[in-house]
């Protein structure tokens, strides 16, 4: 009886720590990137970057996502999800440290390391949730995607105040985000001793790795993932500059970027829960698409403060709902944790190739036109594509 109680306590502790660990990993999947947008102007002035190279700075992590994503499931076969996650978090921490050195080489090298570290978490988290919480996948997706959104929005809002208000400079403002990384490393190192991950399914699937690449539905999910990421990272990179062009200070623009992400938090939580209860998610994708098209259209056509705020709210709802919907598709369209890992790797690889083009391409369009009209028209077209592929991915079927 005492042994049974001890086992029950150990199991309960494991579940609590596992949930905490998942949330802490989610804390680390955005702030190292979202904290950069409001500081781009400061970094450009300090180290001398053109708009296109500043856009490359935002695109570099996405290129790392694209390259690493299909490799991560294969590495997980050789190690375990837990061990690989710890390695990824350590690489992320090293990247955050290197990027805070005020030299172009270290700026880009650290950013590349950050991309590699985040890519590991991006791919493994949906697979871990599918494996550990198969009956609560939608709820756990809501929990960690919302956690991700909370810290991402906080990072955007406090970047300029940390840099200027606390006199940390852009280097210190970026270095701060190593703190949640250290916390996540500590808890996952502790979780390694439990090592209750079931890798059997994933290892069985090695021979079927290429099957997922022949699935039309998997390609639709990947393109949806890519274009919604295109919108997200372009918005993170350039929304403060767009708002500054409308006459707002950079600090206010940074807080409005934070506000946009806060407005997306309810969608981030409820979209996966609703998606899990529906056989088809087609109309969810349609509704989010309308918010996106209207929001970017408002930035293009309106310059008054009420129109800007309304546009930011709509953009926030769209971006807040798109990513967790894409994560939901990975779980809902896969039959197993192994298949979810493969679909996650494929979707994020193809998806982030598209996403990586975004900040640099939009920066180039601005350098060419010297106004934000053409970039915003491009964002509206991309929003329409997100709607189309989101709806086609929402049909009730498996990859």
Protein backbone atom coordinates (compact mmCIF):
# COMPACT_ATOMS: atom_id res chain seq x y z
CA UNK A 1 0.00 0.00 0.00
CA UNK A 2 2.83 2.40 0.94
CA UNK A 3 4.61 1.55 -2.32
CA UNK A 4 1.46 2.27 -4.27
CA UNK A 5 1.03 5.63 -2.56
CA UNK A 6 4.67 6.43 -3.28
CA UNK A 7 4.19 5.57 -6.96
CA UNK A 8 1.01 7.68 -7.12
CA UNK A 9 2.83 10.66 -5.60
CA UNK A 10 5.73 10.18 -7.99
CA UNK A 11 3.35 10.01 -10.95
CA UNK A 12 1.48 13.14 -9.79
CA UNK A 13 4.76 15.02 -9.35
CA UNK A 14 5.82 13.94 -12.82
CA UNK A 15 2.56 15.21 -14.38
CA UNK A 16 2.82 18.55 -12.57
CA UNK A 17 6.46 18.99 -13.57
CA UNK A 18 5.70 17.89 -17.13
CA UNK A 19 2.97 20.52 -17.52
CA UNK A 20 5.25 23.15 -15.95
CA UNK A 21 8.05 22.06 -18.27
CA UNK A 22 5.83 22.31 -21.36
CA UNK A 23 4.72 25.81 -20.34
CA UNK A 24 8.31 26.90 -19.67
CA UNK A 25 9.42 25.65 -23.09
CA UNK A 26 6.51 27.61 -24.61
CA UNK A 27 7.81 30.69 -22.75
CA UNK A 28 11.03 30.38 -24.77
CA UNK A 29 9.66 29.87 -28.28
CA UNK A 30 8.95 33.54 -29.08
CA UNK A 31 10.52 36.26 -26.85
CA UNK A 32 14.05 35.93 -28.28
CA UNK A 33 12.44 36.91 -31.61
CA UNK A 34 9.55 39.20 -30.63
CA UNK A 35 11.81 41.30 -28.39
CA UNK A 36 13.90 42.15 -31.46
CA UNK A 37 11.27 44.02 -33.52
CA UNK A 38 10.95 47.17 -31.36
CA UNK A 39 14.76 47.31 -31.03
CA UNK A 40 15.55 46.97 -34.74
CA UNK A 41 15.95 50.73 -35.25
CA UNK A 42 18.30 50.96 -32.26
CA UNK A 43 20.37 48.01 -33.52
CA UNK A 44 20.51 49.47 -37.05
CA UNK A 45 21.85 52.73 -35.69
CA UNK A 46 24.41 51.03 -33.47
CA UNK A 47 25.91 48.47 -35.86
CA UNK A 48 24.82 50.00 -39.21
CA UNK A 49 22.26 47.70 -40.86
CA UNK A 50 20.11 48.51 -43.91
CA UNK A 51 16.41 47.63 -43.80
CA UNK A 52 16.95 44.49 -45.88
CA UNK A 53 19.76 43.23 -43.61
CA UNK A 54 17.64 44.01 -40.54
CA UNK A 55 14.94 41.95 -42.22
CA UNK A 56 17.51 39.18 -42.70
CA UNK A 57 18.16 39.32 -38.97
CA UNK A 58 14.48 38.52 -38.41
CA UNK A 59 14.47 35.90 -41.19
CA UNK A 60 17.56 34.01 -40.00
CA UNK A 61 15.80 32.12 -37.18
CA UNK A 62 13.10 31.11 -39.65
CA UNK A 63 15.72 29.74 -42.05
CA UNK A 64 17.10 27.74 -39.13
CA UNK A 65 13.55 26.49 -38.41
CA UNK A 66 13.20 25.40 -42.04
CA UNK A 67 16.51 23.52 -42.10
CA UNK A 68 16.26 21.95 -38.65
CA UNK A 69 12.58 20.98 -38.52
CA UNK A 70 12.78 17.77 -40.63
CA UNK A 71 16.00 16.78 -38.81
CA UNK A 72 14.53 17.05 -35.30
CA UNK A 73 12.29 13.90 -35.48
CA UNK A 74 15.30 11.88 -36.70
CA UNK A 75 17.44 13.16 -33.83
CA UNK A 76 14.59 12.32 -31.44
CA UNK A 77 14.76 8.72 -32.69
CA UNK A 78 18.40 8.49 -31.62
CA UNK A 79 18.05 10.36 -28.34
CA UNK A 80 14.75 11.00 -26.55
CA UNK A 81 12.36 13.91 -26.87
CA UNK A 82 13.34 15.07 -23.37
CA UNK A 83 17.10 14.94 -23.92
CA UNK A 84 16.90 16.60 -27.32
CA UNK A 85 14.72 19.33 -25.82
CA UNK A 86 17.40 20.06 -23.19
CA UNK A 87 20.06 20.25 -25.92
CA UNK A 88 17.88 22.66 -27.89
CA UNK A 89 17.34 24.88 -24.85
CA UNK A 90 21.09 24.98 -24.19
CA UNK A 91 21.75 26.03 -27.79
CA UNK A 92 19.07 28.74 -27.39
CA UNK A 93 20.74 30.04 -24.23
CA UNK A 94 24.14 30.19 -25.94
CA UNK A 95 22.56 32.07 -28.85
CA UNK A 96 20.93 34.64 -26.58
CA UNK A 97 24.30 35.29 -24.94
CA UNK A 98 26.26 35.59 -28.19
CA UNK A 99 23.67 37.83 -29.87
CA UNK A 100 24.02 40.43 -27.11
CA UNK A 101 27.60 41.22 -28.20
CA UNK A 102 27.54 44.45 -30.21
CA UNK A 103 29.23 43.17 -33.36
CA UNK A 104 27.58 42.18 -36.64
CA UNK A 105 29.21 38.70 -36.67
CA UNK A 106 28.02 37.84 -33.16
CA UNK A 107 24.62 39.40 -33.81
CA UNK A 108 23.95 37.09 -36.74
CA UNK A 109 25.71 34.03 -35.26
CA UNK A 110 23.76 34.29 -32.01
CA UNK A 111 20.52 34.74 -33.95
CA UNK A 112 21.29 31.56 -35.92
CA UNK A 113 21.84 29.61 -32.67
CA UNK A 114 18.57 31.01 -31.34
CA UNK A 115 16.78 29.74 -34.45
CA UNK A 116 18.25 26.24 -34.06
CA UNK A 117 17.30 26.06 -30.39
CA UNK A 118 13.75 27.26 -30.94
CA UNK A 119 13.31 24.90 -33.91
CA UNK A 120 13.85 21.92 -31.60
CA UNK A 121 11.11 23.11 -29.24
CA UNK A 122 8.77 24.05 -32.10
CA UNK A 123 8.84 20.51 -33.53
CA UNK A 124 8.99 18.49 -30.33
CA UNK A 125 6.32 20.25 -28.30
CA UNK A 126 3.30 19.13 -30.40
CA UNK A 127 4.72 15.57 -30.50
CA UNK A 128 5.32 15.52 -26.73
CA UNK A 129 1.79 16.79 -26.06
CA UNK A 130 0.30 14.22 -28.49
CA UNK A 131 2.31 11.48 -26.75
CA UNK A 132 1.79 12.47 -23.11
CA UNK A 133 -1.73 13.91 -23.30
CA UNK A 134 -3.46 12.15 -26.26
CA UNK A 135 -6.95 12.73 -24.83
CA UNK A 136 -6.21 16.32 -23.77
CA UNK A 137 -4.27 17.40 -26.86
CA UNK A 138 -6.51 20.38 -27.68
CA UNK A 139 -6.56 21.66 -24.09
CA UNK A 140 -2.79 21.34 -23.67
CA UNK A 141 -2.25 23.01 -27.04
CA UNK A 142 -4.39 25.90 -25.76
CA UNK A 143 -2.35 26.10 -22.56
CA UNK A 144 1.06 26.20 -24.18
CA UNK A 145 0.11 28.34 -27.20
CA UNK A 146 -1.46 30.90 -24.84
CA UNK A 147 1.62 30.79 -22.62
CA UNK A 148 3.71 31.42 -25.71
CA UNK A 149 1.54 34.38 -26.65
CA UNK A 150 1.67 35.96 -23.18
CA UNK A 151 5.46 36.04 -23.02
CA UNK A 152 5.79 37.00 -26.70
CA UNK A 153 3.56 40.04 -26.16
CA UNK A 154 5.40 40.95 -22.95
CA UNK A 155 8.73 40.77 -24.77
CA UNK A 156 7.53 43.17 -27.48
CA UNK A 157 6.18 45.66 -24.95
CA UNK A 158 9.08 45.82 -22.49
CA UNK A 159 11.98 45.79 -24.98
CA UNK A 160 12.27 49.57 -25.40
CA UNK A 161 11.60 50.36 -21.69
CA UNK A 162 14.29 47.82 -20.71
CA UNK A 163 16.73 49.30 -23.20
CA UNK A 164 16.04 52.97 -22.44
CA UNK A 165 14.20 53.16 -19.12
CA UNK A 166 16.56 50.81 -17.26
CA UNK A 167 19.57 51.82 -19.37
CA UNK A 168 20.28 48.21 -20.35
CA UNK A 169 20.75 49.11 -24.00
CA UNK A 170 19.50 46.81 -26.73
CA UNK A 171 22.08 44.22 -25.67
CA UNK A 172 20.78 43.94 -22.09
CA UNK A 173 17.16 44.07 -23.24
CA UNK A 174 17.78 40.99 -25.42
CA UNK A 175 19.91 39.21 -22.79
CA UNK A 176 17.07 39.31 -20.24
CA UNK A 177 15.27 36.55 -22.14
CA UNK A 178 17.92 34.04 -21.15
CA UNK A 179 16.28 33.86 -17.69
CA UNK A 180 13.24 31.74 -18.72
CA UNK A 181 15.60 29.58 -20.79
CA UNK A 182 17.66 28.75 -17.70
CA UNK A 183 14.45 27.90 -15.79
CA UNK A 184 13.29 25.59 -18.59
CA UNK A 185 16.67 23.84 -18.74
CA UNK A 186 16.63 23.16 -14.99
CA UNK A 187 13.16 21.60 -14.97
CA UNK A 188 13.76 19.42 -18.06
CA UNK A 189 17.10 18.21 -16.70
CA UNK A 190 15.14 17.08 -13.64
CA UNK A 191 12.46 15.47 -15.84
CA UNK A 192 15.14 13.45 -17.65
CA UNK A 193 15.40 11.09 -14.69
CA UNK A 194 11.78 10.03 -15.17
CA UNK A 195 12.38 9.38 -18.86
CA UNK A 196 8.86 8.10 -19.32
CA UNK A 197 8.75 9.14 -22.98
CA UNK A 198 7.50 6.35 -25.23
CA UNK A 199 9.85 6.44 -28.21
CA UNK A 200 8.70 3.08 -29.63
CA UNK A 201 6.11 4.57 -31.95
CA UNK A 202 8.53 7.12 -33.35
CA UNK A 203 11.24 4.51 -33.96
CA UNK A 204 8.78 2.24 -35.68
CA UNK A 205 8.02 5.06 -38.09
CA UNK A 206 11.53 5.51 -39.48
CA UNK A 207 10.76 3.60 -42.63
CA UNK A 208 7.66 5.70 -43.23
CA UNK A 209 9.28 9.12 -42.92
CA UNK A 210 8.81 9.89 -46.61
CA UNK A 211 5.10 9.01 -46.67
CA UNK A 212 4.13 12.27 -45.03
CA UNK A 213 5.82 14.21 -47.86
CA UNK A 214 3.49 12.53 -50.38
CA UNK A 215 0.33 13.64 -48.61
CA UNK A 216 -1.54 16.56 -50.29
CA UNK A 217 -3.15 17.43 -46.95
CA UNK A 218 0.27 17.60 -45.27
CA UNK A 219 1.40 20.05 -47.96
CA UNK A 220 -1.72 22.18 -47.41
CA UNK A 221 -1.02 22.28 -43.66
CA UNK A 222 2.62 23.15 -44.36
CA UNK A 223 1.68 26.03 -46.68
CA UNK A 224 -0.89 27.27 -44.17
CA UNK A 225 1.78 27.13 -41.46
CA UNK A 226 4.18 29.01 -43.74
CA UNK A 227 1.94 31.87 -44.78
CA UNK A 228 0.54 32.43 -41.27
CA UNK A 229 4.14 32.52 -40.02
CA UNK A 230 4.98 34.96 -42.84
CA UNK A 231 2.29 37.29 -41.47
CA UNK A 232 3.37 36.85 -37.85
CA UNK A 233 7.08 37.49 -38.30
CA UNK A 234 6.60 40.37 -40.74
CA UNK A 235 4.22 41.96 -38.22
CA UNK A 236 6.70 41.42 -35.36
CA UNK A 237 9.52 42.90 -37.45
CA UNK A 238 7.83 45.86 -39.10
CA UNK A 239 4.58 46.82 -37.32
CA UNK A 240 6.43 49.21 -34.96
CA UNK A 241 8.06 50.89 -37.98
CA UNK A 242 4.69 51.10 -39.81
CA UNK A 243 3.05 52.70 -36.76
CA UNK A 244 6.04 55.02 -36.32
CA UNK A 245 5.49 56.09 -39.94
CA UNK A 246 1.92 57.00 -38.91
CA UNK A 247 3.39 59.42 -36.36
CA UNK A 248 3.63 57.32 -33.18
CA UNK A 249 6.76 57.13 -31.04
CA UNK A 250 8.76 53.88 -31.16
CA UNK A 251 7.99 53.18 -27.50
CA UNK A 252 4.25 53.56 -28.15
CA UNK A 253 4.58 51.46 -31.29
CA UNK A 254 6.33 48.74 -29.29
CA UNK A 255 3.53 48.69 -26.73
CA UNK A 256 0.92 48.57 -29.51
CA UNK A 257 2.71 45.52 -30.94
CA UNK A 258 2.46 44.04 -27.46
CA UNK A 259 -1.21 45.07 -27.34
CA UNK A 260 -1.86 43.27 -30.65
CA UNK A 261 -0.47 40.06 -29.21
CA UNK A 262 -2.47 40.47 -26.00
CA UNK A 263 -5.63 40.86 -28.08
CA UNK A 264 -4.79 37.51 -29.66
CA UNK A 265 -4.54 35.64 -26.35
CA UNK A 266 -8.26 34.71 -26.09
CA UNK A 267 -8.13 33.35 -29.65
CA UNK A 268 -4.90 31.54 -28.81
CA UNK A 269 -6.62 29.74 -25.94
CA UNK A 270 -10.08 29.07 -27.35
CA UNK A 271 -9.27 28.24 -31.00
CA UNK A 272 -7.61 24.85 -30.22
CA UNK A 273 -10.40 23.94 -27.75
CA UNK A 274 -13.09 24.78 -30.31
CA UNK A 275 -11.12 23.08 -33.09
CA UNK A 276 -10.88 19.89 -31.03
CA UNK A 277 -14.67 19.74 -30.71
CA UNK A 278 -15.38 20.26 -34.40
CA UNK A 279 -15.06 17.67 -37.14
CA UNK A 280 -14.15 20.43 -39.62
CA UNK A 281 -12.31 23.66 -38.79
CA UNK A 282 -13.06 25.31 -42.15
CA UNK A 283 -15.14 28.17 -40.74
CA UNK A 284 -12.59 28.93 -38.03
CA UNK A 285 -9.98 29.53 -40.73
CA UNK A 286 -12.46 31.66 -42.70
CA UNK A 287 -13.25 33.89 -39.70
CA UNK A 288 -9.59 34.42 -38.84
CA UNK A 289 -8.88 35.21 -42.49
CA UNK A 290 -11.48 37.97 -42.51
CA UNK A 291 -9.92 39.51 -39.39
CA UNK A 292 -6.49 39.45 -41.03
CA UNK A 293 -7.59 40.98 -44.35
CA UNK A 294 -9.60 43.71 -42.62
CA UNK A 295 -6.78 44.47 -40.14
CA UNK A 296 -4.01 44.96 -42.70
CA UNK A 297 -6.48 46.80 -44.93
CA UNK A 298 -7.09 49.23 -42.07
CA UNK A 299 -3.36 49.92 -41.75
CA UNK A 300 -3.24 50.58 -45.48
CA UNK A 301 -6.28 52.82 -45.81
CA UNK A 302 -6.58 54.52 -42.42
CA UNK A 303 -4.32 56.85 -40.49
CA UNK A 304 -6.60 57.96 -37.65
CA UNK A 305 -5.95 56.57 -34.17
CA UNK A 306 -9.30 54.69 -33.88
CA UNK A 307 -8.74 52.97 -37.23
CA UNK A 308 -5.19 52.01 -36.24
CA UNK A 309 -6.34 50.55 -32.91
CA UNK A 310 -9.18 48.61 -34.57
CA UNK A 311 -6.76 47.28 -37.19
CA UNK A 312 -4.27 46.20 -34.52
CA UNK A 313 -7.02 44.38 -32.59
CA UNK A 314 -8.13 42.48 -35.71
CA UNK A 315 -4.54 41.62 -36.63
CA UNK A 316 -3.94 40.45 -33.07
CA UNK A 317 -7.00 38.17 -33.15
CA UNK A 318 -5.93 36.70 -36.50
CA UNK A 319 -2.31 36.10 -35.54
CA UNK A 320 -3.33 34.86 -32.10
CA UNK A 321 -5.62 32.26 -33.65
CA UNK A 322 -3.63 31.18 -36.72
CA UNK A 323 -0.66 29.57 -35.01
CA UNK A 324 -2.59 27.45 -32.47
CA UNK A 325 -4.94 26.43 -35.28
CA UNK A 326 -1.90 25.25 -37.27
CA UNK A 327 -0.66 23.35 -34.19
CA UNK A 328 -4.13 21.84 -33.79
CA UNK A 329 -4.04 20.63 -37.39
CA UNK A 330 -0.78 18.78 -36.62
CA UNK A 331 -2.48 16.83 -33.84
CA UNK A 332 -5.94 16.49 -35.36
CA UNK A 333 -4.77 15.38 -38.81
CA UNK A 334 -2.22 12.87 -37.41
CA UNK A 335 -3.17 9.39 -36.15
CA UNK A 336 -0.26 8.95 -33.70
CA UNK A 337 2.53 10.75 -31.84
CA UNK A 338 5.02 9.45 -34.43
CA UNK A 339 2.97 10.81 -37.30
CA UNK A 340 2.48 14.09 -35.40
CA UNK A 341 6.28 14.43 -35.06
CA UNK A 342 6.77 13.81 -38.79
CA UNK A 343 3.95 16.18 -39.77
CA UNK A 344 5.26 18.80 -37.36
CA UNK A 345 8.76 18.51 -38.85
CA UNK A 346 7.50 18.71 -42.43
CA UNK A 347 4.98 21.50 -41.83
CA UNK A 348 7.48 23.64 -39.96
CA UNK A 349 10.25 22.99 -42.48
CA UNK A 350 8.23 23.92 -45.58
CA UNK A 351 6.29 26.50 -43.61
CA UNK A 352 9.29 28.40 -42.32
CA UNK A 353 10.94 28.46 -45.72
CA UNK A 354 7.98 30.63 -46.74
CA UNK A 355 8.05 32.53 -43.45
CA UNK A 356 11.78 33.27 -43.71
CA UNK A 357 11.19 35.22 -46.90
CA UNK A 358 8.78 37.55 -45.10
CA UNK A 359 10.71 40.11 -43.03
CA UNK A 360 13.53 40.41 -45.55
CA UNK A 361 11.16 40.65 -48.55
CA UNK A 362 8.93 43.26 -46.89
CA UNK A 363 12.04 45.20 -45.84
CA UNK A 364 13.24 45.11 -49.45
CA UNK A 365 9.84 46.32 -50.72
CA UNK A 366 10.03 49.26 -48.32
CA UNK A 367 13.61 50.06 -49.35
CA UNK A 368 12.42 50.04 -52.97
CA UNK A 369 9.18 52.04 -52.55
CA UNK A 370 10.07 54.17 -49.47
CA UNK A 371 6.42 53.88 -48.36
CA UNK A 372 4.48 51.09 -46.62
CA UNK A 373 1.69 50.93 -49.24
CA UNK A 374 3.16 48.12 -51.35
CA UNK A 375 4.25 46.02 -48.34
CA UNK A 376 0.77 46.29 -46.80
CA UNK A 377 -0.92 45.34 -50.08
CA UNK A 378 1.35 42.28 -50.12
CA UNK A 379 0.22 41.43 -46.57
CA UNK A 380 -3.43 41.55 -47.65
CA UNK A 381 -2.72 39.12 -50.51
CA UNK A 382 -0.87 36.78 -48.13
CA UNK A 383 -3.83 36.97 -45.73
CA UNK A 384 -6.11 35.76 -48.50
CA UNK A 385 -3.77 32.81 -49.17
CA UNK A 386 -3.71 31.96 -45.45
CA UNK A 387 -7.50 31.86 -45.46
CA UNK A 388 -7.63 29.54 -48.49
CA UNK A 389 -5.05 27.04 -47.23
CA UNK A 390 -6.39 27.23 -43.68
CA UNK A 391 -9.84 26.26 -44.94
CA UNK A 392 -8.52 23.42 -47.10
CA UNK A 393 -6.49 22.09 -44.12
CA UNK A 394 -9.59 22.24 -41.94
CA UNK A 395 -11.44 19.42 -43.70
CA UNK A 396 -12.19 16.30 -41.64
CA UNK A 397 -9.51 13.86 -42.80
CA UNK A 398 -6.10 12.43 -41.90
CA UNK A 399 -2.74 12.82 -43.65
